[in-house]
N, C-alpha and C. Protein backbone atom coordinates (compact mmCIF):
# COMPACT_ATOMS: atom_id res chain seq x y z
N UNK A 1 0.61 -1.65 -0.10
CA UNK A 1 -0.25 0.01 -0.11
C UNK A 1 0.94 0.69 -0.14
N UNK A 2 1.66 1.32 0.68
CA UNK A 2 2.97 2.52 1.20
C UNK A 2 3.71 2.50 0.01
N UNK A 3 4.09 1.67 -1.19
CA UNK A 3 6.01 1.96 -1.61
C UNK A 3 6.40 0.99 -0.40
N UNK A 4 6.71 0.52 0.06
CA UNK A 4 7.75 0.94 1.32
C UNK A 4 8.19 -0.65 1.09
N UNK A 5 9.74 -1.31 1.76
CA UNK A 5 9.58 -2.25 2.08
C UNK A 5 8.84 -2.85 3.29
N UNK A 6 9.01 -4.21 3.01
CA UNK A 6 8.17 -5.38 3.47
C UNK A 6 8.88 -5.31 5.24
N UNK A 7 7.84 -5.24 5.58
CA UNK A 7 7.95 -5.02 7.26
C UNK A 7 7.90 -6.64 7.67
N UNK A 8 6.73 -7.32 7.43
CA UNK A 8 6.91 -9.00 7.94
C UNK A 8 7.21 -10.03 7.10
N UNK A 9 7.88 -10.98 7.54
CA UNK A 9 7.63 -12.01 6.91
C UNK A 9 6.48 -12.94 6.86
N UNK A 10 5.81 -13.97 5.92
CA UNK A 10 4.46 -13.88 5.54
C UNK A 10 4.87 -15.77 5.56
N UNK A 11 4.98 -16.49 6.19
CA UNK A 11 5.25 -17.77 5.77
C UNK A 11 3.56 -19.13 6.24
N UNK A 12 3.65 -19.68 5.22
CA UNK A 12 2.04 -20.82 5.09
C UNK A 12 2.74 -21.55 5.95
N UNK A 13 1.85 -22.29 6.64
CA UNK A 13 2.38 -23.25 8.07
C UNK A 13 1.09 -24.59 7.63
N UNK A 14 0.54 -24.13 6.79
CA UNK A 14 -0.07 -25.44 5.64
C UNK A 14 0.18 -25.04 4.47
N UNK A 15 -0.75 -26.44 3.93
CA UNK A 15 -0.63 -25.99 1.75
C UNK A 15 -1.79 -25.08 1.33
N UNK A 16 -1.77 -23.96 0.91
CA UNK A 16 -2.58 -22.70 0.71
C UNK A 16 -2.81 -22.73 -0.59
N UNK A 17 -4.33 -21.51 -0.73
CA UNK A 17 -3.50 -20.72 -2.07
C UNK A 17 -3.40 -19.52 -1.97
N UNK A 18 -2.53 -18.79 -2.53
CA UNK A 18 -2.45 -17.65 -2.30
C UNK A 18 -3.15 -16.44 -3.32
N UNK A 19 -3.18 -16.09 -2.86
CA UNK A 19 -3.73 -14.44 -4.23
C UNK A 19 -3.43 -13.09 -4.39
N UNK A 20 -2.78 -12.65 -4.99
CA UNK A 20 -1.91 -11.07 -4.93
C UNK A 20 -2.91 -10.64 -5.89
N UNK A 21 -2.10 -9.40 -5.42
CA UNK A 21 -2.70 -7.77 -6.40
C UNK A 21 -1.35 -7.45 -6.48
N UNK A 22 -1.40 -6.54 -7.83
CA UNK A 22 -0.32 -6.02 -7.81
C UNK A 22 -0.46 -4.32 -7.75
N UNK A 23 0.56 -3.79 -7.03
CA UNK A 23 0.16 -2.19 -5.91
C UNK A 23 -0.94 -1.46 -7.04
N UNK A 24 -0.87 -1.50 -8.09
CA UNK A 24 -1.80 -0.58 -8.78
C UNK A 24 -2.75 -0.74 -8.42
N UNK A 25 -3.06 -1.90 -9.31
CA UNK A 25 -4.51 -3.01 -9.00
C UNK A 25 -5.31 -2.46 -7.56
N UNK A 26 -4.84 -3.00 -6.82
CA UNK A 26 -5.07 -2.53 -4.82
C UNK A 26 -5.65 -1.19 -5.75
N UNK A 27 -4.67 -0.30 -5.10
CA UNK A 27 -3.92 1.14 -5.34
C UNK A 27 -5.93 1.56 -5.99
N UNK A 28 -5.79 0.70 -7.60
CA UNK A 28 -7.49 1.38 -8.42
C UNK A 28 -8.52 0.75 -7.65
N UNK A 29 -8.91 -0.77 -7.54
CA UNK A 29 -9.78 -0.80 -6.44
C UNK A 29 -10.24 0.02 -5.05
N UNK A 30 -8.80 0.35 -4.97
CA UNK A 30 -9.87 1.17 -3.29
C UNK A 30 -10.33 2.88 -3.98
N UNK A 31 -9.04 3.46 -5.39
CA UNK A 31 -9.72 4.21 -5.77
C UNK A 31 -10.85 3.90 -5.68
N UNK A 32 -11.08 3.21 -6.73
CA UNK A 32 -13.19 3.37 -7.46
C UNK A 32 -13.65 2.49 -6.19
N UNK A 33 -13.56 2.33 -5.43
CA UNK A 33 -14.50 1.40 -4.30
C UNK A 33 -14.92 3.17 -3.35
N UNK A 34 -13.83 4.37 -3.07
CA UNK A 34 -13.90 4.86 -2.51
C UNK A 34 -14.65 5.74 -3.13
N UNK A 35 -14.11 6.42 -4.03
CA UNK A 35 -14.89 7.42 -5.34
C UNK A 35 -16.80 6.53 -5.27
N UNK A 36 -16.63 5.52 -6.14
CA UNK A 36 -18.39 5.02 -5.39
C UNK A 36 -19.10 5.58 -3.86
N UNK A 37 -18.28 4.88 -3.17
CA UNK A 37 -19.23 5.35 -1.61
C UNK A 37 -19.56 7.23 -1.52
N UNK A 38 -18.26 8.03 -1.81
CA UNK A 38 -18.13 9.44 -1.89
C UNK A 38 -19.56 9.77 -3.13
N UNK A 39 -20.02 9.75 -3.69
CA UNK A 39 -20.54 9.39 -5.05
C UNK A 39 -21.57 8.77 -4.11
N UNK A 40 -22.28 7.89 -3.61
CA UNK A 40 -23.20 8.15 -3.24
C UNK A 40 -23.83 8.63 -2.14
N UNK A 41 -22.85 8.55 -1.21
CA UNK A 41 -23.00 10.33 0.42
C UNK A 41 -23.87 11.81 -0.33
N UNK A 42 -22.69 11.55 -1.61
CA UNK A 42 -22.90 13.01 -1.85
C UNK A 42 -24.66 13.25 -3.21
N UNK A 43 -24.91 12.08 -3.62
CA UNK A 43 -26.18 11.93 -3.24
C UNK A 43 -27.07 11.89 -2.66
N UNK A 44 -26.53 11.16 -1.34
CA UNK A 44 -27.82 11.11 -0.02
C UNK A 44 -27.46 12.69 0.52
N UNK A 45 -26.52 13.31 0.40
CA UNK A 45 -27.01 14.67 1.02
C UNK A 45 -27.32 15.40 0.27
N UNK A 46 -27.88 15.76 -1.42
CA UNK A 46 -27.72 16.44 -2.49
C UNK A 46 -29.47 16.61 -1.86
N UNK A 47 -29.87 15.53 -0.80
CA UNK A 47 -31.55 15.04 -0.44
C UNK A 47 -31.83 15.93 0.34
N UNK A 48 -31.25 16.51 1.12
CA UNK A 48 -31.38 17.09 2.51
C UNK A 48 -31.76 18.62 2.23
N UNK A 49 -32.58 18.91 3.40
CA UNK A 49 -33.23 19.54 2.97
C UNK A 49 -32.80 21.23 3.46
N UNK A 50 -31.37 20.90 4.13
CA UNK A 50 -30.82 21.50 5.03
C UNK A 50 -29.53 22.18 4.42
N UNK A 51 -28.55 21.09 4.00
CA UNK A 51 -27.95 21.71 2.76
C UNK A 51 -28.47 21.78 1.33
N UNK A 52 -29.39 22.32 0.83
CA UNK A 52 -29.77 23.09 0.01
C UNK A 52 -29.37 24.05 -0.84
N UNK A 53 -28.74 25.29 -0.14
CA UNK A 53 -27.97 26.10 -0.41
C UNK A 53 -26.12 25.62 -0.43
N UNK A 54 -26.25 24.97 -0.23
CA UNK A 54 -24.82 24.53 -0.96
C UNK A 54 -24.24 23.93 -2.19
N UNK A 55 -23.14 24.21 -2.95
CA UNK A 55 -23.34 23.74 -4.32
C UNK A 55 -21.98 22.65 -4.51
N UNK A 56 -21.87 21.79 -5.24
CA UNK A 56 -21.28 19.68 -5.57
C UNK A 56 -20.29 20.30 -5.37
N UNK A 57 -19.68 20.97 -4.67
CA UNK A 57 -17.48 21.44 -3.99
C UNK A 57 -17.94 21.43 -3.00
N UNK A 58 -19.83 21.99 -1.96
CA UNK A 58 -19.52 22.33 -1.07
C UNK A 58 -20.16 20.50 -0.55
N UNK A 59 -21.00 19.75 -0.95
CA UNK A 59 -21.19 18.59 -0.22
C UNK A 59 -20.22 17.61 -0.40
N UNK A 60 -18.81 18.19 -1.36
CA UNK A 60 -18.07 17.71 -1.23
C UNK A 60 -17.06 17.60 -0.68
N UNK A 61 -17.28 18.99 0.34
CA UNK A 61 -16.48 19.34 1.02
C UNK A 61 -16.98 18.30 2.34
N UNK A 62 -17.93 18.62 2.70
CA UNK A 62 -18.96 17.75 4.27
C UNK A 62 -18.86 16.80 3.68
N UNK A 63 -19.22 16.26 2.62
CA UNK A 63 -18.95 14.82 2.71
C UNK A 63 -18.26 14.20 3.20
N UNK A 64 -16.74 14.66 2.46
CA UNK A 64 -15.33 14.02 3.56
C UNK A 64 -15.76 14.84 4.66
N UNK A 65 -15.95 15.34 5.20
CA UNK A 65 -16.27 15.17 6.31
C UNK A 65 -16.76 14.84 7.73
N UNK A 66 -17.92 14.69 7.08
CA UNK A 66 -18.83 12.71 8.14
C UNK A 66 -18.52 11.99 8.12
N UNK A 67 -17.80 11.85 9.60
CA UNK A 67 -17.58 10.17 10.24
C UNK A 67 -19.26 9.96 10.83
N UNK A 68 -19.42 8.17 10.35
CA UNK A 68 -20.42 7.54 10.74
C UNK A 68 -21.27 6.61 12.20
N UNK A 69 -21.92 6.97 12.80
CA UNK A 69 -22.36 5.80 13.60
C UNK A 69 -23.73 5.76 14.05
N UNK A 70 -23.15 4.32 14.66
CA UNK A 70 -25.15 3.03 14.23
C UNK A 70 -24.84 3.65 16.05
N UNK A 71 -27.00 3.19 16.29
CA UNK A 71 -26.47 4.03 17.85
C UNK A 71 -27.91 2.34 17.79
N UNK A 72 -27.48 2.36 18.85
CA UNK A 72 -29.23 1.04 19.33
C UNK A 72 -30.80 1.51 20.04
N UNK A 73 -31.63 1.13 19.73
CA UNK A 73 -32.56 1.64 20.45
C UNK A 73 -32.85 2.38 21.55
N UNK A 74 -32.92 3.53 22.04
CA UNK A 74 -33.20 3.94 23.01
C UNK A 74 -31.63 4.88 23.78
N UNK A 75 -30.35 4.82 22.80
CA UNK A 75 -29.31 5.94 22.59
C UNK A 75 -29.72 7.53 23.12
N UNK A 76 -29.50 7.48 23.75
CA UNK A 76 -29.09 9.25 23.27
C UNK A 76 -27.98 9.59 22.95
N UNK A 77 -29.27 10.19 21.52
CA UNK A 77 -27.50 10.42 20.73
C UNK A 77 -27.61 12.49 21.29
N UNK A 78 -28.01 12.80 21.57
CA UNK A 78 -28.05 13.82 21.95
C UNK A 78 -29.12 14.46 22.93
N UNK A 79 -28.54 15.31 23.80
CA UNK A 79 -28.56 15.25 25.50
C UNK A 79 -29.41 16.63 25.93
N UNK A 80 -30.59 17.27 26.20
CA UNK A 80 -30.82 19.01 26.60
C UNK A 80 -29.52 19.36 27.27
N UNK A 81 -29.47 20.52 26.89
CA UNK A 81 -29.15 20.99 28.47
C UNK A 81 -27.93 21.30 28.00
N UNK A 82 -27.45 20.45 26.77
CA UNK A 82 -25.76 19.56 26.99
C UNK A 82 -24.72 20.60 26.08
N UNK A 83 -23.40 21.10 25.77
CA UNK A 83 -22.90 21.42 24.95
C UNK A 83 -23.27 20.97 23.64
N UNK A 84 -23.68 21.82 22.36
CA UNK A 84 -23.23 21.64 20.95
C UNK A 84 -22.07 21.66 20.53
N UNK A 85 -22.11 20.14 20.66
CA UNK A 85 -20.63 19.68 19.44
C UNK A 85 -21.02 19.30 18.50
N UNK A 86 -21.99 18.80 17.77
CA UNK A 86 -22.04 17.82 16.40
C UNK A 86 -23.54 18.85 15.87
N UNK A 87 -23.30 18.24 14.07
CA UNK A 87 -25.04 18.35 13.86
C UNK A 87 -24.63 16.83 13.06
N UNK A 88 -25.82 16.41 13.02
CA UNK A 88 -26.09 15.96 12.25
C UNK A 88 -28.38 14.93 11.44
N UNK A 89 -27.25 13.85 10.51
CA UNK A 89 -28.36 13.79 10.03
C UNK A 89 -28.64 12.42 9.81
N UNK A 90 -29.68 11.72 9.97
CA UNK A 90 -30.16 10.59 9.83
C UNK A 90 -30.47 9.58 8.59
N UNK A 91 -29.01 8.74 8.14
CA UNK A 91 -29.14 8.00 6.86
C UNK A 91 -30.29 7.24 6.78
N UNK A 92 -30.32 6.47 7.97
CA UNK A 92 -31.94 4.89 8.31
C UNK A 92 -32.44 5.41 9.38
N UNK A 93 -33.03 4.75 9.95
CA UNK A 93 -33.33 4.76 10.95
C UNK A 93 -34.27 5.65 11.42
N UNK A 94 -34.66 5.44 12.61
CA UNK A 94 -34.83 7.03 13.43
C UNK A 94 -34.67 7.91 14.48
N UNK A 95 -35.55 8.90 14.65
CA UNK A 95 -35.05 9.73 15.82
C UNK A 95 -36.01 10.04 16.68
N UNK A 96 -36.18 10.18 17.93
CA UNK A 96 -36.54 10.31 18.58
C UNK A 96 -36.79 11.43 19.55
N UNK A 97 -37.34 13.40 19.21
CA UNK A 97 -36.38 14.33 19.95
C UNK A 97 -37.60 14.72 21.42
N UNK A 98 -37.15 14.84 22.61
CA UNK A 98 -37.86 14.95 23.35
C UNK A 98 -37.86 16.61 24.32
N UNK A 99 -38.28 17.31 25.15
CA UNK A 99 -38.15 18.40 25.68
C UNK A 99 -38.81 17.77 27.22
N UNK A 100 -37.69 18.28 27.92
CA UNK A 100 -38.20 18.45 29.62
C UNK A 100 -38.66 19.94 29.77
N UNK A 101 -39.69 19.72 30.25
CA UNK A 101 -40.48 21.12 30.15
C UNK A 101 -40.28 22.08 31.88
N UNK A 102 -40.07 22.53 32.29
CA UNK A 102 -39.45 23.12 33.73
C UNK A 102 -40.65 22.44 34.56
N UNK A 103 -41.81 22.10 34.22
CA UNK A 103 -42.80 21.28 35.51
C UNK A 103 -41.84 20.07 35.67
N UNK A 104 -41.22 19.41 34.48
CA UNK A 104 -40.56 18.50 35.08
C UNK A 104 -40.77 16.92 34.05
N UNK A 105 -42.40 17.74 33.38
CA UNK A 105 -42.67 16.66 32.18
C UNK A 105 -41.69 15.94 30.75
N UNK A 106 -42.01 14.75 30.82
CA UNK A 106 -40.61 15.41 29.11
C UNK A 106 -41.91 14.76 27.97
N UNK A 107 -41.70 16.12 27.54
CA UNK A 107 -42.28 16.32 26.10
C UNK A 107 -42.00 15.69 25.08
N UNK A 108 -42.64 14.63 24.01
CA UNK A 108 -42.17 14.32 22.78
C UNK A 108 -42.54 15.32 21.37
N UNK A 109 -41.21 15.96 21.30
CA UNK A 109 -41.58 16.78 19.94
C UNK A 109 -42.44 16.50 19.12
N UNK A 110 -41.29 15.15 17.61
CA UNK A 110 -41.48 15.38 17.40
C UNK A 110 -40.49 13.94 16.86
N UNK A 111 -40.24 13.09 15.65
CA UNK A 111 -39.78 11.86 15.24
C UNK A 111 -39.25 12.14 13.88
N UNK A 112 -38.40 11.98 13.68
CA UNK A 112 -37.58 12.80 12.44
C UNK A 112 -36.95 11.38 11.25
N UNK A 113 -36.56 11.28 10.41
CA UNK A 113 -36.53 10.00 9.48
C UNK A 113 -35.22 9.89 8.63
N UNK A 114 -34.85 9.15 7.81
CA UNK A 114 -33.61 8.91 6.67
C UNK A 114 -34.12 10.67 5.97
N UNK A 115 -33.15 11.29 5.94
CA UNK A 115 -32.66 12.85 5.80
C UNK A 115 -33.02 13.49 6.31
N UNK A 116 -33.42 13.27 7.78
CA UNK A 116 -33.59 14.79 8.64
C UNK A 116 -31.89 14.85 8.79
N UNK A 117 -32.43 16.00 9.80
CA UNK A 117 -31.65 16.71 10.33
C UNK A 117 -31.85 17.07 11.71
N UNK A 118 -30.81 17.41 12.24
CA UNK A 118 -31.45 16.97 13.90
C UNK A 118 -29.49 18.06 14.32
N UNK A 119 -29.42 19.45 15.40
CA UNK A 119 -28.49 19.68 16.29
C UNK A 119 -28.14 20.86 15.35
N UNK A 120 -28.34 21.85 14.29
CA UNK A 120 -28.27 22.18 13.89
C UNK A 120 -27.95 23.72 14.56
N UNK A 121 -28.84 24.13 14.89
CA UNK A 121 -30.01 25.58 15.58
C UNK A 121 -28.59 25.51 16.72
N UNK A 122 -28.42 24.66 17.57
CA UNK A 122 -27.49 24.79 18.95
C UNK A 122 -25.88 25.67 18.34
N UNK A 123 -25.74 24.74 17.21
CA UNK A 123 -24.10 24.88 17.01
C UNK A 123 -24.01 26.67 15.83
N UNK A 124 -25.88 27.14 15.22
CA UNK A 124 -25.27 28.22 14.63
C UNK A 124 -25.56 29.29 15.87
N UNK A 125 -26.00 28.49 17.12
CA UNK A 125 -26.43 30.26 17.63
C UNK A 125 -25.82 29.93 18.84
N UNK A 126 -24.80 29.17 19.12
CA UNK A 126 -23.78 28.71 19.71
C UNK A 126 -24.70 28.88 21.58
N UNK A 127 -25.70 27.72 20.76
CA UNK A 127 -26.56 27.52 22.42
C UNK A 127 -25.81 25.88 22.86
N UNK A 128 -26.24 26.01 23.76
CA UNK A 128 -26.53 24.42 24.40
C UNK A 128 -28.20 23.98 23.85
N UNK A 129 -28.13 22.82 23.75
CA UNK A 129 -28.71 22.04 23.42
C UNK A 129 -31.08 22.39 24.17
N UNK A 130 -31.63 22.27 23.58
CA UNK A 130 -33.24 22.58 24.00
C UNK A 130 -33.72 21.67 23.78
N UNK A 131 -33.00 20.42 23.57
CA UNK A 131 -34.41 19.49 23.78
C UNK A 131 -32.70 17.91 23.31
N UNK A 132 -33.67 16.88 24.28
CA UNK A 132 -32.81 15.39 24.11
C UNK A 132 -33.61 15.26 22.73
N UNK A 133 -32.59 13.55 21.59
CA UNK A 133 -32.40 12.55 20.87
C UNK A 133 -32.45 11.57 21.21
N UNK A 134 -32.94 10.87 20.74
CA UNK A 134 -33.07 9.26 20.47
C UNK A 134 -32.98 8.80 19.63
N UNK A 135 -32.39 7.65 19.32
CA UNK A 135 -32.43 6.01 19.00
C UNK A 135 -33.13 5.97 19.13
N UNK A 136 -34.48 5.48 18.24
CA UNK A 136 -35.65 4.81 17.84
C UNK A 136 -35.60 3.58 16.87
N UNK A 137 -35.30 2.47 17.57
CA UNK A 137 -34.15 1.01 16.57
C UNK A 137 -33.13 1.66 16.03
N UNK A 138 -32.52 0.26 15.14
CA UNK A 138 -31.14 0.30 15.56
C UNK A 138 -31.11 2.09 14.39
N UNK A 139 -30.10 3.00 14.23
CA UNK A 139 -30.17 4.06 13.60
C UNK A 139 -29.23 4.35 12.75
N UNK A 140 -28.51 4.31 12.08
CA UNK A 140 -27.81 5.00 11.79
C UNK A 140 -27.18 7.16 11.14
N UNK A 141 -26.48 7.55 11.58
CA UNK A 141 -25.93 8.88 11.59
C UNK A 141 -24.92 8.90 10.87
N UNK A 142 -24.16 10.28 9.98
CA UNK A 142 -23.36 10.88 9.60
C UNK A 142 -23.63 11.72 10.80
N UNK A 143 -22.66 12.27 11.39
CA UNK A 143 -21.74 13.82 12.40
C UNK A 143 -21.14 14.17 11.64
N UNK A 144 -21.79 16.06 11.69
CA UNK A 144 -20.01 16.57 11.61
C UNK A 144 -19.82 17.82 12.66
N UNK A 145 -18.56 17.20 13.09
CA UNK A 145 -18.12 17.93 14.22
C UNK A 145 -18.79 19.92 13.79
N UNK A 146 -18.21 20.12 15.12
CA UNK A 146 -18.74 21.85 15.63
C UNK A 146 -17.66 22.22 14.74
N UNK A 147 -15.93 22.09 14.53
CA UNK A 147 -15.19 22.40 14.32
C UNK A 147 -15.33 22.36 12.78
N UNK A 148 -15.94 21.67 12.75
CA UNK A 148 -15.60 20.81 10.63
C UNK A 148 -17.51 21.81 10.10
N UNK A 149 -18.43 21.54 11.34
CA UNK A 149 -19.35 22.49 11.03
C UNK A 149 -18.91 24.49 10.70
N UNK A 150 -18.65 24.92 11.00
CA UNK A 150 -17.77 26.20 11.47
C UNK A 150 -17.15 26.67 10.26
N UNK A 151 -16.11 25.53 10.14
CA UNK A 151 -15.00 25.32 8.44
C UNK A 151 -16.04 25.67 7.24
N UNK A 152 -16.69 24.45 7.24
CA UNK A 152 -17.79 24.28 5.63
C UNK A 152 -18.47 25.18 5.65
N UNK A 153 -19.09 25.42 6.71
CA UNK A 153 -20.82 25.82 7.11
C UNK A 153 -20.25 27.51 7.33
N UNK A 154 -19.33 28.15 7.62
CA UNK A 154 -19.36 29.34 8.30
C UNK A 154 -19.39 29.74 7.40
N UNK A 155 -19.13 30.20 6.23
CA UNK A 155 -19.54 30.66 4.73
C UNK A 155 -20.67 31.03 4.52
N UNK A 156 -21.60 30.05 5.31
CA UNK A 156 -22.85 30.05 4.23
C UNK A 156 -24.22 29.81 5.64
N UNK A 157 -23.68 29.86 6.58
CA UNK A 157 -24.01 29.81 7.79
C UNK A 157 -25.51 31.03 7.73
N UNK A 158 -25.51 31.90 7.62
CA UNK A 158 -26.49 33.08 6.80
C UNK A 158 -27.77 32.30 6.25
N UNK A 159 -26.92 32.29 5.21
CA UNK A 159 -28.33 31.87 4.32
C UNK A 159 -28.44 30.31 5.10
N UNK A 160 -27.95 29.13 6.03
CA UNK A 160 -28.53 27.93 5.92
C UNK A 160 -29.51 28.73 7.39
N UNK A 161 -29.64 29.66 8.41
CA UNK A 161 -30.18 30.65 9.43
C UNK A 161 -31.47 30.56 8.52
N UNK A 162 -31.19 31.34 7.78
CA UNK A 162 -32.86 31.86 7.11
C UNK A 162 -33.82 31.23 6.50
N UNK A 163 -32.59 30.21 6.07
CA UNK A 163 -33.95 28.85 5.81
C UNK A 163 -34.08 27.76 6.26
N UNK A 164 -33.67 27.80 7.27
CA UNK A 164 -34.14 27.01 8.39
C UNK A 164 -35.11 27.73 9.54
N UNK A 165 -35.38 29.03 9.83
CA UNK A 165 -35.73 29.67 9.79
C UNK A 165 -36.90 29.78 9.44
N UNK A 166 -37.46 30.39 8.65
CA UNK A 166 -38.14 29.48 7.22
C UNK A 166 -39.07 28.79 7.51
N UNK A 167 -37.97 27.27 7.34
CA UNK A 167 -38.42 26.36 7.49
C UNK A 167 -39.84 25.85 8.77
N UNK A 168 -39.14 26.28 9.98
CA UNK A 168 -38.96 26.51 11.38
C UNK A 168 -40.58 26.78 11.55
N UNK A 169 -39.95 28.03 11.39
CA UNK A 169 -42.03 29.26 10.86
C UNK A 169 -42.69 28.73 10.02
N UNK A 170 -43.14 27.88 8.78
CA UNK A 170 -43.77 27.01 8.59
C UNK A 170 -44.67 26.16 8.66
N UNK A 171 -43.82 25.63 9.41
CA UNK A 171 -43.40 24.04 10.45
C UNK A 171 -44.77 24.45 11.33
N UNK A 172 -44.74 25.22 11.66
CA UNK A 172 -44.91 25.59 13.31
C UNK A 172 -47.08 26.36 12.25
N UNK A 173 -46.75 27.14 11.29
CA UNK A 173 -47.55 27.51 10.80
C UNK A 173 -48.78 26.93 10.59
N UNK A 174 -47.96 25.78 10.21
CA UNK A 174 -49.24 24.28 9.31
C UNK A 174 -49.40 23.74 10.79
N UNK A 175 -48.78 23.24 12.02
CA UNK A 175 -49.56 22.41 12.78
C UNK A 175 -50.10 23.31 13.38
N UNK A 176 -50.39 25.19 13.31
CA UNK A 176 -51.47 25.47 14.17
C UNK A 176 -53.25 25.20 13.11
N UNK A 177 -52.70 25.38 11.81
CA UNK A 177 -53.77 25.11 10.68
C UNK A 177 -54.82 23.95 11.49
């Protein structure tokens, strides 16, 4: 892989068949597989409403900065009151968002599914989390750290915040109607 001398000797302890790839073929397969995953991830991210304002180059950069996390049913992904450290996009599964009111009662706010996102407002407003988010069944999320969020989305944060506020206002108006 690294085009350097061997670091160890491998000796067969019994009769076996050995398959080998030359360095060029191995790198080609690795690059093709990596490219395919990047293209699929970028296509998925283009469907995420929050990222509508981004061009293809920006989407590609965000895609490269995302980490993938898998959660089991009931796992707390985001805790109300915690310092905001990341933004999440649900790849598959579901996430339930709840909020503990001053009376101590826990109110279920909404349930999110694939392509939905959470955690962006606390990052943009540099605030603590206003709700807790729990995995509902097996759930897989893409996570963008605060540092990468600021680095990659900082230049378009005003556009994203405006779009998100408009979307939130429309949701509130629809739920009242």
